C-alpha atoms as a PDB file:
ATOM      1  CA  MET A   1      -6.621  -8.250  13.758  1.00  0.00           C
ATOM      2  CA  GLN A   2      -3.622  -9.350  15.647  1.00  0.00           C
ATOM      3  CA  ARG A   3      -1.954 -11.686  12.994  1.00  0.00           C
ATOM      4  CA  ASP A   4       0.812 -10.301  10.840  1.00  0.00           C
ATOM      5  CA  LEU A   5      -0.003 -11.334   7.406  1.00  0.00           C
ATOM      6  CA  PHE A   6       3.524 -10.156   6.184  1.00  0.00           C
ATOM      7  CA  GLU A   7       4.973 -13.223   7.850  1.00  0.00           C
ATOM      8  CA  ASP A   8       3.134 -15.420   5.261  1.00  0.00           C
ATOM      9  CA  THR A   9       4.976 -16.816   2.111  1.00  0.00           C
ATOM     10  CA  ASP A  10       3.808 -15.958  -1.394  1.00  0.00           C
ATOM     11  CA  ASP A  11       2.773 -19.461  -2.171  1.00  0.00           C
ATOM     12  CA  ASP A  12      -0.971 -18.340  -2.192  1.00  0.00           C
ATOM     13  CA  LYS A  13      -0.395 -15.213  -4.204  1.00  0.00           C
ATOM     14  CA  ILE A  14      -1.513 -15.943  -7.863  1.00  0.00           C
ATOM     15  CA  LYS A  15      -0.804 -13.549 -10.825  1.00  0.00           C
ATOM     16  CA  LEU A  16      -3.978 -13.336 -12.978  1.00  0.00           C
ATOM     17  CA  ARG A  17      -2.523 -10.673 -15.354  1.00  0.00           C
ATOM     18  CA  ASP A  18       0.007  -7.888 -15.261  1.00  0.00           C
ATOM     19  CA  GLY A  19      -1.011  -5.758 -12.172  1.00  0.00           C
ATOM     20  CA  ALA A  20      -3.675  -8.195 -11.009  1.00  0.00           C
ATOM     21  CA  PHE A  21      -3.350 -10.854  -8.351  1.00  0.00           C
ATOM     22  CA  LEU A  22      -5.455 -13.350  -6.433  1.00  0.00           C
ATOM     23  CA  LEU A  23      -4.596 -13.857  -2.754  1.00  0.00           C
ATOM     24  CA  LYS A  24      -6.033 -17.179  -1.574  1.00  0.00           C
ATOM     25  CA  SER A  25      -7.448 -17.236   1.668  1.00  0.00           C
ATOM     26  CA  PHE A  26      -5.763 -13.964   2.725  1.00  0.00           C
ATOM     27  CA  ALA A  27      -8.840 -12.618   4.547  1.00  0.00           C
ATOM     28  CA  LEU A  28      -9.742 -15.891   6.262  1.00  0.00           C
ATOM     29  CA  PRO A  29      -8.093 -15.134   9.725  1.00  0.00           C
ATOM     30  CA  PHE A  30     -10.355 -12.112   9.943  1.00  0.00           C
ATOM     31  CA  GLU A  31     -13.665 -13.631   8.886  1.00  0.00           C
ATOM     32  CA  GLN A  32     -15.445 -12.886  12.227  1.00  0.00           C
ATOM     33  CA  GLU A  33     -14.407  -9.293  12.241  1.00  0.00           C
ATOM     34  CA  LEU A  34     -15.478  -8.952   8.467  1.00  0.00           C
ATOM     35  CA  MET A  35     -18.949 -10.450   9.255  1.00  0.00           C
ATOM     36  CA  LYS A  36     -19.375  -8.154  12.395  1.00  0.00           C
ATOM     37  CA  ALA A  37     -18.528  -5.117  10.319  1.00  0.00           C
ATOM     38  CA  ILE A  38     -20.880  -6.021   7.530  1.00  0.00           C
ATOM     39  CA  HIS A  39     -23.661  -6.532   9.986  1.00  0.00           C
ATOM     40  CA  SER A  40     -22.819  -3.184  11.762  1.00  0.00           C
ATOM     41  CA  ILE A  41     -22.774  -1.261   8.549  1.00  0.00           C
ATOM     42  CA  ALA A  42     -26.033  -2.734   7.241  1.00  0.00           C
ATOM     43  CA  ALA A  43     -27.696  -1.858  10.446  1.00  0.00           C
ATOM     44  CA  ASP A  44     -26.977   1.934   9.900  1.00  0.00           C
ATOM     45  CA  ALA A  45     -27.255   1.652   5.885  1.00  0.00           C
ATOM     46  CA  PRO A  46     -29.352  -1.240   4.965  1.00  0.00           C
ATOM     47  CA  PHE A  47     -28.689  -3.323   1.924  1.00  0.00           C
ATOM     48  CA  ARG A  48     -30.724  -2.193  -1.078  1.00  0.00           C
ATOM     49  CA  HIS A  49     -31.301  -3.092  -4.729  1.00  0.00           C
ATOM     50  CA  MET A  50     -30.542   0.190  -6.677  1.00  0.00           C
ATOM     51  CA  MET A  51     -31.761   0.954 -10.097  1.00  0.00           C
ATOM     52  CA  THR A  52     -29.479   1.487 -13.232  1.00  0.00           C
ATOM     53  CA  PRO A  53     -29.671   4.625 -15.206  1.00  0.00           C
ATOM     54  CA  GLY A  54     -31.627   2.684 -17.722  1.00  0.00           C
ATOM     55  CA  GLY A  55     -34.248   1.864 -15.217  1.00  0.00           C
ATOM     56  CA  ARG A  56     -33.406  -1.776 -14.387  1.00  0.00           C
ATOM     57  CA  LYS A  57     -33.186  -3.222 -10.784  1.00  0.00           C
ATOM     58  CA  MET A  58     -29.836  -4.563  -9.957  1.00  0.00           C
ATOM     59  CA  SER A  59     -29.805  -8.068  -8.756  1.00  0.00           C
ATOM     60  CA  VAL A  60     -27.073  -7.507  -6.374  1.00  0.00           C
ATOM     61  CA  ALA A  61     -28.080  -5.741  -3.107  1.00  0.00           C
ATOM     62  CA  ILE A  62     -25.459  -2.983  -1.916  1.00  0.00           C
ATOM     63  CA  THR A  63     -24.563  -0.785   0.906  1.00  0.00           C
ATOM     64  CA  ASN A  64     -21.216   1.301   1.561  1.00  0.00           C
ATOM     65  CA  CYS A  65     -19.011   2.676   4.300  1.00  0.00           C
ATOM     66  CA  GLY A  66     -16.443   5.253   4.304  1.00  0.00           C
ATOM     67  CA  LEU A  67     -16.337   9.006   3.383  1.00  0.00           C
ATOM     68  CA  ALA A  68     -18.193   8.386   0.085  1.00  0.00           C
ATOM     69  CA  GLY A  69     -20.455   5.565  -1.144  1.00  0.00           C
ATOM     70  CA  TRP A  70     -21.155   4.400  -4.712  1.00  0.00           C
ATOM     71  CA  ILE A  71     -24.745   4.835  -5.988  1.00  0.00           C
ATOM     72  CA  SER A  72     -26.792   4.372  -9.054  1.00  0.00           C
ATOM     73  CA  ASP A  73     -29.992   5.952 -10.184  1.00  0.00           C
ATOM     74  CA  LYS A  74     -31.588   7.527 -13.252  1.00  0.00           C
ATOM     75  CA  LYS A  75     -29.026  10.378 -12.963  1.00  0.00           C
ATOM     76  CA  GLY A  76     -26.070   7.747 -13.531  1.00  0.00           C
ATOM     77  CA  TYR A  77     -23.404   6.109 -11.613  1.00  0.00           C
ATOM     78  CA  ARG A  78     -21.390   8.302  -9.096  1.00  0.00           C
ATOM     79  CA  TYR A  79     -20.196   8.701  -5.626  1.00  0.00           C
ATOM     80  CA  ASP A  80     -21.783  10.651  -2.958  1.00  0.00           C
ATOM     81  CA  HIS A  81     -21.037  11.487   0.816  1.00  0.00           C
ATOM     82  CA  PHE A  82     -24.752  10.739   1.799  1.00  0.00           C
ATOM     83  CA  ASP A  83     -26.961   7.684   1.704  1.00  0.00           C
ATOM     84  CA  PRO A  84     -29.843   8.525  -0.491  1.00  0.00           C
ATOM     85  CA  LEU A  85     -32.266   6.501   1.672  1.00  0.00           C
ATOM     86  CA  SER A  86     -31.568   8.255   4.957  1.00  0.00           C
ATOM     87  CA  SER A  87     -29.671  11.407   3.627  1.00  0.00           C
ATOM     88  CA  LYS A  88     -27.235  10.741   6.353  1.00  0.00           C
ATOM     89  CA  ALA A  89     -23.432  10.136   5.960  1.00  0.00           C
ATOM     90  CA  TRP A  90     -22.521   6.624   5.135  1.00  0.00           C
ATOM     91  CA  PRO A  91     -21.077   4.638   8.219  1.00  0.00           C
ATOM     92  CA  LYS A  92     -17.470   5.133   8.937  1.00  0.00           C
ATOM     93  CA  MET A  93     -15.088   2.512   7.463  1.00  0.00           C
ATOM     94  CA  PRO A  94     -14.067   0.164  10.430  1.00  0.00           C
ATOM     95  CA  LEU A  95     -10.234   0.194  11.011  1.00  0.00           C
ATOM     96  CA  GLU A  96     -10.182  -3.459  10.598  1.00  0.00           C
ATOM     97  CA  LEU A  97     -11.519  -3.150   7.217  1.00  0.00           C
ATOM     98  CA  LEU A  98      -9.101  -0.424   6.312  1.00  0.00           C
ATOM     99  CA  SER A  99      -6.138  -2.347   7.692  1.00  0.00           C
ATOM    100  CA  LEU A 100      -6.984  -5.570   5.685  1.00  0.00           C
ATOM    101  CA  ALA A 101      -7.261  -3.616   2.347  1.00  0.00           C
ATOM    102  CA  LYS A 102      -4.033  -1.833   2.939  1.00  0.00           C
ATOM    103  CA  GLN A 103      -2.251  -5.220   3.711  1.00  0.00           C
ATOM    104  CA  ALA A 104      -3.650  -6.752   0.668  1.00  0.00           C
ATOM    105  CA  ALA A 105      -2.412  -4.094  -1.569  1.00  0.00           C
ATOM    106  CA  GLU A 106       1.020  -4.053   0.204  1.00  0.00           C
ATOM    107  CA  LYS A 107       1.083  -7.908  -0.475  1.00  0.00           C
ATOM    108  CA  THR A 108       0.887  -7.404  -4.151  1.00  0.00           C
ATOM    109  CA  GLU A 109       2.738  -4.444  -5.754  1.00  0.00           C
ATOM    110  CA  PHE A 110       0.820  -1.563  -4.520  1.00  0.00           C
ATOM    111  CA  SER A 111       2.022   0.203  -1.573  1.00  0.00           C
ATOM    112  CA  ASN A 112       0.551   3.218   0.257  1.00  0.00           C
ATOM    113  CA  PHE A 113      -3.043   2.337  -0.795  1.00  0.00           C
ATOM    114  CA  SER A 114      -5.599   4.750   0.799  1.00  0.00           C
ATOM    115  CA  PRO A 115      -9.087   3.727   0.270  1.00  0.00           C
ATOM    116  CA  ASN A 116     -11.731   6.164   1.447  1.00  0.00           C
ATOM    117  CA  SER A 117     -14.637   4.116   0.102  1.00  0.00           C
ATOM    118  CA  CYS A 118     -15.843   0.638   0.558  1.00  0.00           C
ATOM    119  CA  LEU A 119     -18.912  -0.824  -1.629  1.00  0.00           C
ATOM    120  CA  ILE A 120     -20.416  -3.935  -0.044  1.00  0.00           C
ATOM    121  CA  ASN A 121     -22.267  -6.148  -2.540  1.00  0.00           C
ATOM    122  CA  ARG A 122     -24.639  -8.975  -1.211  1.00  0.00           C
ATOM    123  CA  TYR A 123     -25.208 -11.634  -3.779  1.00  0.00           C
ATOM    124  CA  GLU A 124     -28.084 -14.223  -3.258  1.00  0.00           C
ATOM    125  CA  PRO A 125     -28.347 -17.308  -5.648  1.00  0.00           C
ATOM    126  CA  GLY A 126     -29.183 -16.222  -9.134  1.00  0.00           C
ATOM    127  CA  ALA A 127     -27.526 -12.739  -8.705  1.00  0.00           C
ATOM    128  CA  ARG A 128     -24.678 -11.845 -11.054  1.00  0.00           C
ATOM    129  CA  LEU A 129     -22.608  -8.830 -12.105  1.00  0.00           C
ATOM    130  CA  THR A 130     -21.992  -8.295 -15.633  1.00  0.00           C
ATOM    131  CA  LEU A 131     -18.684  -7.241 -17.238  1.00  0.00           C
ATOM    132  CA  HIS A 132     -17.859  -3.544 -16.268  1.00  0.00           C
ATOM    133  CA  GLN A 133     -15.003  -1.064 -15.473  1.00  0.00           C
ATOM    134  CA  ASP A 134     -14.647   0.688 -12.166  1.00  0.00           C
ATOM    135  CA  LYS A 135     -14.117   4.054 -13.709  1.00  0.00           C
ATOM    136  CA  ASP A 136     -16.122   6.423 -11.419  1.00  0.00           C
ATOM    137  CA  GLU A 137     -13.420   6.975  -8.960  1.00  0.00           C
ATOM    138  CA  GLY A 138     -11.334   9.347 -11.179  1.00  0.00           C
ATOM    139  CA  ASP A 139      -8.143   8.350  -9.308  1.00  0.00           C
ATOM    140  CA  PHE A 140      -6.823   5.383 -11.344  1.00  0.00           C
ATOM    141  CA  SER A 141      -3.291   5.454  -9.737  1.00  0.00           C
ATOM    142  CA  GLN A 142      -4.716   3.489  -6.675  1.00  0.00           C
ATOM    143  CA  PRO A 143      -5.704  -0.178  -7.076  1.00  0.00           C
ATOM    144  CA  ILE A 144      -8.897  -1.986  -6.305  1.00  0.00           C
ATOM    145  CA  VAL A 145      -8.918  -4.451  -3.435  1.00  0.00           C
ATOM    146  CA  SER A 146     -11.923  -6.924  -3.442  1.00  0.00           C
ATOM    147  CA  VAL A 147     -12.668  -9.276  -0.639  1.00  0.00           C
ATOM    148  CA  SER A 148     -14.963 -12.389  -0.914  1.00  0.00           C
ATOM    149  CA  ILE A 149     -16.885 -13.693   2.028  1.00  0.00           C
ATOM    150  CA  GLY A 150     -19.370 -16.530   1.920  1.00  0.00           C
ATOM    151  CA  LEU A 151     -20.597 -18.541  -0.978  1.00  0.00           C
ATOM    152  CA  PRO A 152     -18.115 -19.379  -3.694  1.00  0.00           C
ATOM    153  CA  ALA A 153     -18.396 -17.568  -7.171  1.00  0.00           C
ATOM    154  CA  LYS A 154     -16.796 -17.427 -10.485  1.00  0.00           C
ATOM    155  CA  PHE A 155     -14.838 -14.178 -11.074  1.00  0.00           C
ATOM    156  CA  LEU A 156     -14.649 -12.932 -14.615  1.00  0.00           C
ATOM    157  CA  PHE A 157     -11.584 -10.858 -15.305  1.00  0.00           C
ATOM    158  CA  GLY A 158     -11.032  -9.514 -18.796  1.00  0.00           C
ATOM    159  CA  GLY A 159      -8.859  -6.871 -20.458  1.00  0.00           C
ATOM    160  CA  LEU A 160      -9.241  -3.230 -21.268  1.00  0.00           C
ATOM    161  CA  ASN A 161     -11.938  -3.935 -23.934  1.00  0.00           C
ATOM    162  CA  ARG A 162     -15.309  -5.536 -23.283  1.00  0.00           C
ATOM    163  CA  SER A 163     -14.546  -7.960 -26.099  1.00  0.00           C
ATOM    164  CA  ASP A 164     -11.511  -9.355 -24.651  1.00  0.00           C
ATOM    165  CA  LYS A 165     -11.700 -12.885 -23.431  1.00  0.00           C
ATOM    166  CA  ALA A 166     -12.280 -12.949 -19.614  1.00  0.00           C
ATOM    167  CA  LEU A 167     -10.573 -15.328 -17.284  1.00  0.00           C
ATOM    168  CA  ARG A 168     -12.968 -17.373 -15.194  1.00  0.00           C
ATOM    169  CA  THR A 169     -11.386 -17.630 -11.715  1.00  0.00           C
ATOM    170  CA  PRO A 170     -13.048 -19.442  -8.674  1.00  0.00           C
ATOM    171  CA  LEU A 171     -13.287 -17.354  -5.649  1.00  0.00           C
ATOM    172  CA  THR A 172     -13.881 -18.936  -2.215  1.00  0.00           C
ATOM    173  CA  HIS A 173     -14.449 -17.545   1.380  1.00  0.00           C
ATOM    174  CA  GLY A 174     -11.688 -15.359   2.362  1.00  0.00           C
ATOM    175  CA  ASP A 175     -10.101 -14.806  -1.173  1.00  0.00           C
ATOM    176  CA  VAL A 176      -8.783 -11.275  -2.055  1.00  0.00           C
ATOM    177  CA  VAL A 177      -8.329 -10.007  -5.530  1.00  0.00           C
ATOM    178  CA  VAL A 178      -6.095  -6.843  -6.146  1.00  0.00           C
ATOM    179  CA  TRP A 179      -5.856  -5.017  -9.428  1.00  0.00           C
ATOM    180  CA  GLY A 180      -4.288  -1.908 -10.574  1.00  0.00           C
ATOM    181  CA  GLY A 181      -1.519  -0.441 -12.791  1.00  0.00           C
ATOM    182  CA  VAL A 182      -2.040  -1.548 -16.422  1.00  0.00           C
ATOM    183  CA  SER A 183      -5.013  -3.566 -15.204  1.00  0.00           C
ATOM    184  CA  ARG A 184      -6.796  -0.872 -13.255  1.00  0.00           C
ATOM    185  CA  LEU A 185      -9.498  -0.313 -15.894  1.00  0.00           C
ATOM    186  CA  ALA A 186      -9.911  -4.178 -16.708  1.00  0.00           C
ATOM    187  CA  TYR A 187     -13.417  -5.370 -17.390  1.00  0.00           C
ATOM    188  CA  HIS A 188     -14.620  -7.729 -14.611  1.00  0.00           C
ATOM    189  CA  GLY A 189     -17.746  -9.323 -13.241  1.00  0.00           C
ATOM    190  CA  ILE A 190     -19.311 -12.172 -11.380  1.00  0.00           C
ATOM    191  CA  ASP A 191     -21.043 -15.079 -12.934  1.00  0.00           C
ATOM    192  CA  LYS A 192     -24.422 -16.169 -11.727  1.00  0.00           C
ATOM    193  CA  LEU A 193     -24.332 -17.277  -8.129  1.00  0.00           C
ATOM    194  CA  LYS A 194     -25.222 -20.815  -7.447  1.00  0.00           C
ATOM    195  CA  GLU A 195     -27.375 -22.158  -4.595  1.00  0.00           C
ATOM    196  CA  GLY A 196     -25.540 -23.075  -1.266  1.00  0.00           C
ATOM    197  CA  GLN A 197     -25.240 -22.479   2.470  1.00  0.00           C
ATOM    198  CA  HIS A 198     -22.248 -21.004   4.195  1.00  0.00           C
ATOM    199  CA  GLU A 199     -21.677 -21.521   8.007  1.00  0.00           C
ATOM    200  CA  LEU A 200     -21.102 -17.784   8.505  1.00  0.00           C
ATOM    201  CA  ALA A 201     -22.836 -16.005   5.575  1.00  0.00           C
ATOM    202  CA  GLY A 202     -25.784 -18.313   5.086  1.00  0.00           C
ATOM    203  CA  SER A 203     -27.170 -18.257   1.701  1.00  0.00           C
ATOM    204  CA  TYR A 204     -25.175 -15.119   0.603  1.00  0.00           C
ATOM    205  CA  ARG A 205     -21.981 -14.087  -0.826  1.00  0.00           C
ATOM    206  CA  TYR A 206     -20.603 -10.719   0.218  1.00  0.00           C
ATOM    207  CA  ASN A 207     -17.985  -8.681  -1.628  1.00  0.00           C
ATOM    208  CA  LEU A 208     -16.155  -5.754  -0.129  1.00  0.00           C
ATOM    209  CA  THR A 209     -14.594  -3.568  -2.809  1.00  0.00           C
ATOM    210  CA  PHE A 210     -12.123  -0.908  -1.451  1.00  0.00           C
ATOM    211  CA  ARG A 211     -11.455   2.143  -3.696  1.00  0.00           C
ATOM    212  CA  SER A 212      -9.993   5.590  -3.679  1.00  0.00           C
ATOM    213  CA  THR A 213     -12.098   8.288  -5.005  1.00  0.00           C
ATOM    214  CA  GLU A 214     -10.740  11.486  -6.422  1.00  0.00           C
ATOM    215  CA  LYS A 215     -11.798  15.033  -5.480  1.00  0.00           C
ATOM    216  CA  ILE A 216     -13.927  13.729  -2.694  1.00  0.00           C
ATOM    217  CA  ASP A 217     -14.438  17.103  -1.120  1.00  0.00           C
ATOM    218  CA  ASN A 218     -16.257  18.120  -4.202  1.00  0.00           C
ATOM    219  CA  LEU A 219     -18.876  15.612  -3.740  1.00  0.00           C
ATOM    220  CA  ARG A 220     -22.356  16.910  -2.797  1.00  0.00           C
END
């Protein structure tokens, strides 16, 4: 990752709401590093479809890297140091991913972002993510940084109540969304993914979501 993104203008920084920004094509120069990292992480911690606490199979396949990974099962939603499939620690977060997340946060209004967890979602056509809040982290002073790779999608970004009308924002390969501050607990999701083929990601869309979790040393 040799290019200095801070030399770019703000022409491609779009404000979605207070505290929420879309950085068009911000990650595009690093697409090769991102795909290499995704494949390396998945080799150690394969993608899987987890179950919701209510017993439903998620349409989105997930894996994690970093000090803790987000998981879901009948016990609920939470973070854990260990991959439940292997009982081993999640793969370390590659420095390239950490650097990209920190630069994206700095590009908006969030300096000193220190993510220690990266959830990687893999969407295939027909998969979707219903409106939800990212509230399992505990530390809401840090933003969320979300990187899109592969097939395009419609990002749904609402307010602090589930009933608030959600913006429908197209996301394409290399786009990054950052939200925090007054928008940190905004409801968000992804509309049903349409069929397609991407030259790097094939028939998939990957989403890398960087987060900072609180009291990580108290995890199992």
